[in-house]
Amino acid sequence: MKTTLFRRHIALPQDHGSWVFILSPLFIGIFAGRQFTSASIFLITAVMAAFLLRQPVTIAVKAYAGRRPRSDLPAARFWMLVYGAISLLMVAGLVARGFTYVLYLAVPGTFVFVWHLYLVSKRAERRQAGLEIVASGVLALAAPAALWVGKETYDPMGWALWILVWLQSAASIVHAYMRLNQRDLAQVPARREKLRLGSRALLYTTFNLAATLVASAIGWLPRLIFLPFLLQWSETIWGISHPAIRAKPTAIGVRQLIVSTLFTILFIVTWKV
């Protein structure tokens, strides 16, 4: 049974870039909460189990839709049971500690997950930038959840934290699509064409930078919170100027991971200033 149930492609997500979209909000929320308690452990475990649950459920839907062999179903059901049980157990721990209100954040996640599974069943889930942006917004809800659990109370600033993390995730996704599309270029285009190809990514990162500059200047947000968004904006400017012609997707993904990691660290530091 071991060779049947313990299959890596069923137990763990294979789209490695998705990890940063759950880990970054968690780390940001944990450090913003300034306190790590047993409830924080319950939340982290519940969130990660729910995140991992997506992979075996997706495999099961593909198997039922004829996209994968039915022999994948036993392993998929096994990991669905494991992750589901862990998530429910941790949720019970949060409820026992009085954090029932945090669970409401899971509602939008359920709707987006159902949407994703519908697209999977129709073989239409790939290259869905809109869905990825919406899904990243759901994952970004881990930030306010971790903040509230850390502070052991509801704090309206959690919503600001959520919006900021979502803005970064959305811009990161659009930037990644820009870099992947650049791979198909036959040669380095003219400056105007470079700007045209990167216009959407530049729009996202410029908006994020401008919004955080204004919000920090008038005192709505920490005064240096614009710095991580300046980093992301600078990366987009560099990406437009240096098209990723014939670059390997792995190389693009690694660079994106490095920038996202630096963003997370810089965000944590500047949020406290």
C-alpha atoms as a PDB file:
ATOM      1  CA  MET A   1       0.000   0.000   0.000  1.00  0.00           C
ATOM      2  CA  LYS A   2       2.919   2.350   0.589  1.00  0.00           C
ATOM      3  CA  THR A   3       3.770   2.658  -3.093  1.00  0.00           C
ATOM      4  CA  THR A   4       0.091   3.268  -3.831  1.00  0.00           C
ATOM      5  CA  LEU A   5      -0.701   5.909  -1.236  1.00  0.00           C
ATOM      6  CA  PHE A   6       2.532   7.854  -0.829  1.00  0.00           C
ATOM      7  CA  ARG A   7       2.758   9.514  -4.209  1.00  0.00           C
ATOM      8  CA  ARG A   8       4.447  12.900  -4.179  1.00  0.00           C
ATOM      9  CA  HIS A   9       2.502  14.322  -7.117  1.00  0.00           C
ATOM     10  CA  ILE A  10      -0.735  13.599  -5.240  1.00  0.00           C
ATOM     11  CA  ALA A  11       0.336  14.533  -1.722  1.00  0.00           C
ATOM     12  CA  LEU A  12       2.109  17.805  -2.560  1.00  0.00           C
ATOM     13  CA  PRO A  13       1.342  20.685  -4.967  1.00  0.00           C
ATOM     14  CA  GLN A  14       3.415  20.480  -8.128  1.00  0.00           C
ATOM     15  CA  ASP A  15       3.098  24.179  -9.000  1.00  0.00           C
ATOM     16  CA  HIS A  16       5.984  25.180  -6.749  1.00  0.00           C
ATOM     17  CA  GLY A  17       5.405  28.908  -7.254  1.00  0.00           C
ATOM     18  CA  SER A  18       2.128  28.710  -5.327  1.00  0.00           C
ATOM     19  CA  TRP A  19       3.932  28.126  -2.016  1.00  0.00           C
ATOM     20  CA  VAL A  20       5.053  31.736  -1.754  1.00  0.00           C
ATOM     21  CA  PHE A  21       1.451  32.944  -2.025  1.00  0.00           C
ATOM     22  CA  ILE A  22       0.532  31.177   1.215  1.00  0.00           C
ATOM     23  CA  LEU A  23       3.801  31.399   3.148  1.00  0.00           C
ATOM     24  CA  SER A  24       4.351  35.120   2.569  1.00  0.00           C
ATOM     25  CA  PRO A  25       0.934  36.191   4.001  1.00  0.00           C
ATOM     26  CA  LEU A  26       1.414  33.830   6.957  1.00  0.00           C
ATOM     27  CA  PHE A  27       4.847  35.192   7.842  1.00  0.00           C
ATOM     28  CA  ILE A  28       3.701  38.794   7.400  1.00  0.00           C
ATOM     29  CA  GLY A  29       0.646  38.247   9.601  1.00  0.00           C
ATOM     30  CA  ILE A  30       2.592  36.388  12.274  1.00  0.00           C
ATOM     31  CA  PHE A  31       5.221  39.120  12.624  1.00  0.00           C
ATOM     32  CA  ALA A  32       2.608  41.883  12.438  1.00  0.00           C
ATOM     33  CA  GLY A  33       0.735  40.203  15.318  1.00  0.00           C
ATOM     34  CA  ARG A  34       3.899  40.487  17.447  1.00  0.00           C
ATOM     35  CA  GLN A  35       2.960  37.416  19.473  1.00  0.00           C
ATOM     36  CA  PHE A  36       3.221  33.687  18.796  1.00  0.00           C
ATOM     37  CA  THR A  37       0.885  31.479  20.809  1.00  0.00           C
ATOM     38  CA  SER A  38      -0.546  27.974  20.683  1.00  0.00           C
ATOM     39  CA  ALA A  39      -3.459  29.437  18.715  1.00  0.00           C
ATOM     40  CA  SER A  40      -0.921  30.611  16.113  1.00  0.00           C
ATOM     41  CA  ILE A  41       0.209  27.004  15.728  1.00  0.00           C
ATOM     42  CA  PHE A  42      -3.413  25.908  15.277  1.00  0.00           C
ATOM     43  CA  LEU A  43      -3.917  28.562  12.591  1.00  0.00           C
ATOM     44  CA  ILE A  44      -0.711  27.832  10.693  1.00  0.00           C
ATOM     45  CA  THR A  45      -1.388  24.087  10.685  1.00  0.00           C
ATOM     46  CA  ALA A  46      -5.025  24.561   9.612  1.00  0.00           C
ATOM     47  CA  VAL A  47      -4.066  26.952   6.797  1.00  0.00           C
ATOM     48  CA  MET A  48      -1.281  24.727   5.494  1.00  0.00           C
ATOM     49  CA  ALA A  49      -3.466  21.605   5.650  1.00  0.00           C
ATOM     50  CA  ALA A  50      -6.209  23.408   3.707  1.00  0.00           C
ATOM     51  CA  PHE A  51      -3.614  24.592   1.188  1.00  0.00           C
ATOM     52  CA  LEU A  52      -2.257  21.063   0.722  1.00  0.00           C
ATOM     53  CA  LEU A  53      -5.782  19.647   0.429  1.00  0.00           C
ATOM     54  CA  ARG A  54      -6.149  21.340  -2.961  1.00  0.00           C
ATOM     55  CA  GLN A  55      -3.716  18.926  -4.642  1.00  0.00           C
ATOM     56  CA  PRO A  56      -5.391  15.555  -3.883  1.00  0.00           C
ATOM     57  CA  VAL A  57      -8.848  17.026  -4.497  1.00  0.00           C
ATOM     58  CA  THR A  58      -7.706  18.342  -7.882  1.00  0.00           C
ATOM     59  CA  ILE A  59      -6.197  14.948  -8.737  1.00  0.00           C
ATOM     60  CA  ALA A  60      -9.471  13.249  -7.798  1.00  0.00           C
ATOM     61  CA  VAL A  61     -11.494  15.616  -9.999  1.00  0.00           C
ATOM     62  CA  LYS A  62      -9.112  14.966 -12.892  1.00  0.00           C
ATOM     63  CA  ALA A  63      -9.459  11.208 -12.374  1.00  0.00           C
ATOM     64  CA  TYR A  64     -13.258  11.398 -12.421  1.00  0.00           C
ATOM     65  CA  ALA A  65     -13.094  13.647 -15.511  1.00  0.00           C
ATOM     66  CA  GLY A  66     -10.939  11.133 -17.344  1.00  0.00           C
ATOM     67  CA  ARG A  67      -7.811  13.294 -17.297  1.00  0.00           C
ATOM     68  CA  ARG A  68      -5.901  10.951 -14.986  1.00  0.00           C
ATOM     69  CA  PRO A  69      -6.059   7.189 -14.367  1.00  0.00           C
ATOM     70  CA  ARG A  70      -8.537   5.923 -11.801  1.00  0.00           C
ATOM     71  CA  SER A  71      -5.615   4.272 -10.030  1.00  0.00           C
ATOM     72  CA  ASP A  72      -4.814   7.726  -8.585  1.00  0.00           C
ATOM     73  CA  LEU A  73      -8.069   7.794  -6.626  1.00  0.00           C
ATOM     74  CA  PRO A  74      -7.033   5.688  -3.570  1.00  0.00           C
ATOM     75  CA  ALA A  75      -4.024   7.929  -2.887  1.00  0.00           C
ATOM     76  CA  ALA A  76      -6.074  11.070  -3.534  1.00  0.00           C
ATOM     77  CA  ARG A  77      -8.768   9.947  -1.098  1.00  0.00           C
ATOM     78  CA  PHE A  78      -6.132   9.063   1.493  1.00  0.00           C
ATOM     79  CA  TRP A  79      -4.514  12.510   1.420  1.00  0.00           C
ATOM     80  CA  MET A  80      -7.892  14.233   1.316  1.00  0.00           C
ATOM     81  CA  LEU A  81      -8.738  12.406   4.535  1.00  0.00           C
ATOM     82  CA  VAL A  82      -5.373  13.212   6.151  1.00  0.00           C
ATOM     83  CA  TYR A  83      -5.369  16.919   5.307  1.00  0.00           C
ATOM     84  CA  GLY A  84      -9.073  17.286   5.994  1.00  0.00           C
ATOM     85  CA  ALA A  85      -8.786  15.673   9.421  1.00  0.00           C
ATOM     86  CA  ILE A  86      -5.788  17.824  10.374  1.00  0.00           C
ATOM     87  CA  SER A  87      -7.539  20.987   9.247  1.00  0.00           C
ATOM     88  CA  LEU A  88     -10.725  20.171  11.167  1.00  0.00           C
ATOM     89  CA  LEU A  89      -8.756  19.306  14.301  1.00  0.00           C
ATOM     90  CA  MET A  90      -6.874  22.617  14.192  1.00  0.00           C
ATOM     91  CA  VAL A  91     -10.083  24.536  13.508  1.00  0.00           C
ATOM     92  CA  ALA A  92     -11.593  22.927  16.601  1.00  0.00           C
ATOM     93  CA  GLY A  93      -8.580  24.195  18.540  1.00  0.00           C
ATOM     94  CA  LEU A  94      -9.152  27.735  17.267  1.00  0.00           C
ATOM     95  CA  VAL A  95     -12.838  27.604  18.173  1.00  0.00           C
ATOM     96  CA  ALA A  96     -11.960  26.361  21.661  1.00  0.00           C
ATOM     97  CA  ARG A  97      -9.614  29.350  22.051  1.00  0.00           C
ATOM     98  CA  GLY A  98     -12.366  31.791  21.042  1.00  0.00           C
ATOM     99  CA  PHE A  99     -11.281  32.570  17.470  1.00  0.00           C
ATOM    100  CA  THR A 100     -14.498  31.543  15.744  1.00  0.00           C
ATOM    101  CA  TYR A 101     -14.648  34.847  13.825  1.00  0.00           C
ATOM    102  CA  VAL A 102     -11.411  33.971  12.009  1.00  0.00           C
ATOM    103  CA  LEU A 103     -13.168  31.045  10.346  1.00  0.00           C
ATOM    104  CA  TYR A 104     -15.393  33.382   8.333  1.00  0.00           C
ATOM    105  CA  LEU A 105     -12.333  34.140   6.202  1.00  0.00           C
ATOM    106  CA  ALA A 106     -12.582  30.594   4.825  1.00  0.00           C
ATOM    107  CA  VAL A 107     -15.921  31.334   3.106  1.00  0.00           C
ATOM    108  CA  PRO A 108     -14.498  33.119   0.024  1.00  0.00           C
ATOM    109  CA  GLY A 109     -11.837  30.435  -0.213  1.00  0.00           C
ATOM    110  CA  THR A 110     -14.510  27.774  -0.566  1.00  0.00           C
ATOM    111  CA  PHE A 111     -16.188  29.560  -3.477  1.00  0.00           C
ATOM    112  CA  VAL A 112     -12.887  30.115  -5.310  1.00  0.00           C
ATOM    113  CA  PHE A 113     -11.902  26.492  -4.756  1.00  0.00           C
ATOM    114  CA  VAL A 114     -15.175  25.270  -6.246  1.00  0.00           C
ATOM    115  CA  TRP A 115     -14.607  27.568  -9.233  1.00  0.00           C
ATOM    116  CA  HIS A 116     -11.118  26.114  -9.667  1.00  0.00           C
ATOM    117  CA  LEU A 117     -12.424  22.540  -9.547  1.00  0.00           C
ATOM    118  CA  TYR A 118     -15.090  23.373 -12.127  1.00  0.00           C
ATOM    119  CA  LEU A 119     -12.419  24.666 -14.504  1.00  0.00           C
ATOM    120  CA  VAL A 120     -10.329  21.554 -13.824  1.00  0.00           C
ATOM    121  CA  SER A 121     -13.266  19.348 -14.769  1.00  0.00           C
ATOM    122  CA  LYS A 122     -13.590  21.304 -18.038  1.00  0.00           C
ATOM    123  CA  ARG A 123      -9.841  21.209 -18.775  1.00  0.00           C
ATOM    124  CA  ALA A 124      -9.792  25.011 -18.610  1.00  0.00           C
ATOM    125  CA  GLU A 125      -7.734  25.778 -15.506  1.00  0.00           C
ATOM    126  CA  ARG A 126      -4.422  26.535 -17.203  1.00  0.00           C
ATOM    127  CA  ARG A 127      -3.259  30.103 -17.963  1.00  0.00           C
ATOM    128  CA  GLN A 128      -6.168  31.611 -16.026  1.00  0.00           C
ATOM    129  CA  ALA A 129      -4.554  34.815 -14.758  1.00  0.00           C
ATOM    130  CA  GLY A 130      -7.855  36.160 -13.431  1.00  0.00           C
ATOM    131  CA  LEU A 131      -8.489  33.043 -11.359  1.00  0.00           C
ATOM    132  CA  GLU A 132      -4.934  33.090 -10.046  1.00  0.00           C
ATOM    133  CA  ILE A 133      -5.280  36.708  -8.940  1.00  0.00           C
ATOM    134  CA  VAL A 134      -8.566  35.995  -7.166  1.00  0.00           C
ATOM    135  CA  ALA A 135      -7.084  32.869  -5.565  1.00  0.00           C
ATOM    136  CA  SER A 136      -4.066  34.855  -4.365  1.00  0.00           C
ATOM    137  CA  GLY A 137      -6.498  37.238  -2.674  1.00  0.00           C
ATOM    138  CA  VAL A 138      -8.006  34.302  -0.815  1.00  0.00           C
ATOM    139  CA  LEU A 139      -4.576  33.071   0.268  1.00  0.00           C
ATOM    140  CA  ALA A 140      -3.716  36.617   1.379  1.00  0.00           C
ATOM    141  CA  LEU A 141      -6.480  36.329   4.004  1.00  0.00           C
ATOM    142  CA  ALA A 142      -3.965  34.294   6.008  1.00  0.00           C
ATOM    143  CA  ALA A 143      -2.270  37.614   6.851  1.00  0.00           C
ATOM    144  CA  PRO A 144      -5.154  39.214   8.803  1.00  0.00           C
ATOM    145  CA  ALA A 145      -6.015  35.842  10.344  1.00  0.00           C
ATOM    146  CA  ALA A 146      -2.473  35.488  11.713  1.00  0.00           C
ATOM    147  CA  LEU A 147      -2.512  39.117  12.868  1.00  0.00           C
ATOM    148  CA  TRP A 148      -5.774  38.694  14.805  1.00  0.00           C
ATOM    149  CA  VAL A 149      -4.681  35.425  16.363  1.00  0.00           C
ATOM    150  CA  GLY A 150      -1.363  36.977  17.382  1.00  0.00           C
ATOM    151  CA  LYS A 151      -3.065  39.994  18.948  1.00  0.00           C
ATOM    152  CA  GLU A 152      -5.798  37.747  20.352  1.00  0.00           C
ATOM    153  CA  THR A 153      -8.429  40.226  19.186  1.00  0.00           C
ATOM    154  CA  TYR A 154      -9.960  41.694  16.046  1.00  0.00           C
ATOM    155  CA  ASP A 155      -7.984  44.623  14.607  1.00  0.00           C
ATOM    156  CA  PRO A 156      -9.264  46.631  11.580  1.00  0.00           C
ATOM    157  CA  MET A 157      -5.655  46.992  10.390  1.00  0.00           C
ATOM    158  CA  GLY A 158      -5.894  43.369   9.409  1.00  0.00           C
ATOM    159  CA  TRP A 159      -7.886  44.428   6.355  1.00  0.00           C
ATOM    160  CA  ALA A 160      -5.163  46.878   5.328  1.00  0.00           C
ATOM    161  CA  LEU A 161      -2.658  44.068   5.696  1.00  0.00           C
ATOM    162  CA  TRP A 162      -4.811  41.826   3.510  1.00  0.00           C
ATOM    163  CA  ILE A 163      -5.173  44.433   0.751  1.00  0.00           C
ATOM    164  CA  LEU A 164      -1.441  45.152   0.695  1.00  0.00           C
ATOM    165  CA  VAL A 165      -0.500  41.470   0.507  1.00  0.00           C
ATOM    166  CA  TRP A 166      -3.098  40.864  -2.208  1.00  0.00           C
ATOM    167  CA  LEU A 167      -1.841  43.823  -4.243  1.00  0.00           C
ATOM    168  CA  GLN A 168       1.659  42.393  -4.132  1.00  0.00           C
ATOM    169  CA  SER A 169       0.500  38.899  -5.081  1.00  0.00           C
ATOM    170  CA  ALA A 170      -1.584  40.179  -8.000  1.00  0.00           C
ATOM    171  CA  ALA A 171       1.299  42.245  -9.334  1.00  0.00           C
ATOM    172  CA  SER A 172       3.640  39.267  -8.931  1.00  0.00           C
ATOM    173  CA  ILE A 173       1.329  37.051 -10.991  1.00  0.00           C
ATOM    174  CA  VAL A 174       0.986  39.609 -13.789  1.00  0.00           C
ATOM    175  CA  HIS A 175       4.754  40.141 -13.773  1.00  0.00           C
ATOM    176  CA  ALA A 176       5.328  36.383 -14.089  1.00  0.00           C
ATOM    177  CA  TYR A 177       2.978  36.186 -17.079  1.00  0.00           C
ATOM    178  CA  MET A 178       4.875  39.061 -18.692  1.00  0.00           C
ATOM    179  CA  ARG A 179       8.176  37.240 -18.260  1.00  0.00           C
ATOM    180  CA  LEU A 180       6.769  33.968 -19.593  1.00  0.00           C
ATOM    181  CA  ASN A 181       5.317  35.719 -22.650  1.00  0.00           C
ATOM    182  CA  GLN A 182       8.703  37.337 -23.328  1.00  0.00           C
ATOM    183  CA  ARG A 183      10.174  33.872 -23.847  1.00  0.00           C
ATOM    184  CA  ASP A 184       8.437  33.657 -27.231  1.00  0.00           C
ATOM    185  CA  LEU A 185      10.104  36.780 -28.627  1.00  0.00           C
ATOM    186  CA  ALA A 186      12.443  36.165 -31.546  1.00  0.00           C
ATOM    187  CA  GLN A 187      14.663  39.114 -30.662  1.00  0.00           C
ATOM    188  CA  VAL A 188      14.892  42.059 -28.295  1.00  0.00           C
ATOM    189  CA  PRO A 189      12.107  44.437 -29.394  1.00  0.00           C
ATOM    190  CA  ALA A 190      12.205  48.213 -29.621  1.00  0.00           C
ATOM    191  CA  ARG A 191      11.653  50.265 -26.468  1.00  0.00           C
ATOM    192  CA  ARG A 192       8.050  51.082 -27.360  1.00  0.00           C
ATOM    193  CA  GLU A 193       7.270  47.406 -27.911  1.00  0.00           C
ATOM    194  CA  LYS A 194       8.932  46.495 -24.616  1.00  0.00           C
ATOM    195  CA  LEU A 195       6.674  48.966 -22.808  1.00  0.00           C
ATOM    196  CA  ARG A 196       3.609  47.668 -24.620  1.00  0.00           C
ATOM    197  CA  LEU A 197       4.352  44.075 -23.642  1.00  0.00           C
ATOM    198  CA  GLY A 198       4.981  45.072 -20.026  1.00  0.00           C
ATOM    199  CA  SER A 199       2.259  47.695 -19.707  1.00  0.00           C
ATOM    200  CA  ARG A 200      -0.068  45.619 -17.533  1.00  0.00           C
ATOM    201  CA  ALA A 201       2.669  44.553 -15.128  1.00  0.00           C
ATOM    202  CA  LEU A 202       3.925  48.143 -14.945  1.00  0.00           C
ATOM    203  CA  LEU A 203       0.385  49.395 -14.280  1.00  0.00           C
ATOM    204  CA  TYR A 204      -0.030  47.004 -11.345  1.00  0.00           C
ATOM    205  CA  THR A 205       3.310  47.741  -9.696  1.00  0.00           C
ATOM    206  CA  THR A 206       3.069  51.501 -10.298  1.00  0.00           C
ATOM    207  CA  PHE A 207      -0.389  51.592  -8.725  1.00  0.00           C
ATOM    208  CA  ASN A 208       0.860  49.638  -5.707  1.00  0.00           C
ATOM    209  CA  LEU A 209       3.833  51.943  -5.241  1.00  0.00           C
ATOM    210  CA  ALA A 210       1.793  55.126  -5.658  1.00  0.00           C
ATOM    211  CA  ALA A 211      -0.982  53.930  -3.322  1.00  0.00           C
ATOM    212  CA  THR A 212       1.434  52.986  -0.540  1.00  0.00           C
ATOM    213  CA  LEU A 213       3.393  56.219  -0.958  1.00  0.00           C
ATOM    214  CA  VAL A 214       0.217  58.283  -0.506  1.00  0.00           C
ATOM    215  CA  ALA A 215      -1.159  56.132   2.328  1.00  0.00           C
ATOM    216  CA  SER A 216       2.120  56.252   4.237  1.00  0.00           C
ATOM    217  CA  ALA A 217       2.535  59.997   3.652  1.00  0.00           C
ATOM    218  CA  ILE A 218      -0.863  60.796   5.203  1.00  0.00           C
ATOM    219  CA  GLY A 219      -0.345  58.396   8.097  1.00  0.00           C
ATOM    220  CA  TRP A 220      -2.747  55.625   7.163  1.00  0.00           C
ATOM    221  CA  LEU A 221       0.073  53.094   6.912  1.00  0.00           C
ATOM    222  CA  PRO A 222       3.589  52.763   8.394  1.00  0.00           C
ATOM    223  CA  ARG A 223       5.780  55.481   6.894  1.00  0.00           C
ATOM    224  CA  LEU A 224       8.242  53.160   5.113  1.00  0.00           C
ATOM    225  CA  ILE A 225       5.797  50.510   3.893  1.00  0.00           C
ATOM    226  CA  PHE A 226       6.230  51.742   0.314  1.00  0.00           C
ATOM    227  CA  LEU A 227       9.789  50.360   0.203  1.00  0.00           C
ATOM    228  CA  PRO A 228       8.893  46.699  -0.514  1.00  0.00           C
ATOM    229  CA  PHE A 229       6.584  47.913  -3.281  1.00  0.00           C
ATOM    230  CA  LEU A 230       9.409  50.044  -4.653  1.00  0.00           C
ATOM    231  CA  LEU A 231      11.453  46.843  -4.845  1.00  0.00           C
ATOM    232  CA  GLN A 232       8.690  45.120  -6.806  1.00  0.00           C
ATOM    233  CA  TRP A 233       8.266  48.125  -9.118  1.00  0.00           C
ATOM    234  CA  SER A 234      12.019  48.172  -9.780  1.00  0.00           C
ATOM    235  CA  GLU A 235      11.935  44.470 -10.655  1.00  0.00           C
ATOM    236  CA  THR A 236       9.198  45.116 -13.217  1.00  0.00           C
ATOM    237  CA  ILE A 237      11.169  47.987 -14.762  1.00  0.00           C
ATOM    238  CA  TRP A 238      14.167  45.663 -14.996  1.00  0.00           C
ATOM    239  CA  GLY A 239      12.016  42.898 -16.474  1.00  0.00           C
ATOM    240  CA  ILE A 240      10.654  45.205 -19.167  1.00  0.00           C
ATOM    241  CA  SER A 241      14.146  46.419 -20.054  1.00  0.00           C
ATOM    242  CA  HIS A 242      15.624  42.903 -20.113  1.00  0.00           C
ATOM    243  CA  PRO A 243      13.144  40.547 -21.861  1.00  0.00           C
ATOM    244  CA  ALA A 244      13.386  36.896 -20.834  1.00  0.00           C
ATOM    245  CA  ILE A 245      13.970  35.649 -24.380  1.00  0.00           C
ATOM    246  CA  ARG A 246      14.433  31.867 -24.392  1.00  0.00           C
ATOM    247  CA  ALA A 247      14.764  31.884 -20.606  1.00  0.00           C
ATOM    248  CA  LYS A 248      13.762  28.693 -18.824  1.00  0.00           C
ATOM    249  CA  PRO A 249      10.532  28.874 -16.790  1.00  0.00           C
ATOM    250  CA  THR A 250      12.481  27.513 -13.816  1.00  0.00           C
ATOM    251  CA  ALA A 251      14.918  30.443 -13.966  1.00  0.00           C
ATOM    252  CA  ILE A 252      12.019  32.887 -14.128  1.00  0.00           C
ATOM    253  CA  GLY A 253      10.369  31.162 -11.179  1.00  0.00           C
ATOM    254  CA  VAL A 254      13.530  31.197  -9.058  1.00  0.00           C
ATOM    255  CA  ARG A 255      14.062  34.913  -9.638  1.00  0.00           C
ATOM    256  CA  GLN A 256      10.403  35.542  -8.796  1.00  0.00           C
ATOM    257  CA  LEU A 257      10.804  33.549  -5.587  1.00  0.00           C
ATOM    258  CA  ILE A 258      13.871  35.556  -4.576  1.00  0.00           C
ATOM    259  CA  VAL A 259      12.108  38.871  -5.174  1.00  0.00           C
ATOM    260  CA  SER A 260       8.994  37.713  -3.291  1.00  0.00           C
ATOM    261  CA  THR A 261      11.151  36.563  -0.369  1.00  0.00           C
ATOM    262  CA  LEU A 262      12.938  39.911  -0.242  1.00  0.00           C
ATOM    263  CA  PHE A 263       9.567  41.665  -0.445  1.00  0.00           C
ATOM    264  CA  THR A 264       8.272  39.649   2.512  1.00  0.00           C
ATOM    265  CA  ILE A 265      11.322  40.414   4.651  1.00  0.00           C
ATOM    266  CA  LEU A 266      11.258  44.111   3.764  1.00  0.00           C
ATOM    267  CA  PHE A 267       7.508  44.275   4.420  1.00  0.00           C
ATOM    268  CA  ILE A 268       7.906  42.723   7.884  1.00  0.00           C
ATOM    269  CA  VAL A 269      10.657  45.197   8.760  1.00  0.00           C
ATOM    270  CA  THR A 270       8.907  48.311   7.455  1.00  0.00           C
ATOM    271  CA  TRP A 271       5.520  47.373   8.954  1.00  0.00           C
ATOM    272  CA  LYS A 272       7.054  47.763  12.401  1.00  0.00           C
ATOM    273  CA  VAL A 273       8.722  51.120  11.688  1.00  0.00           C
END
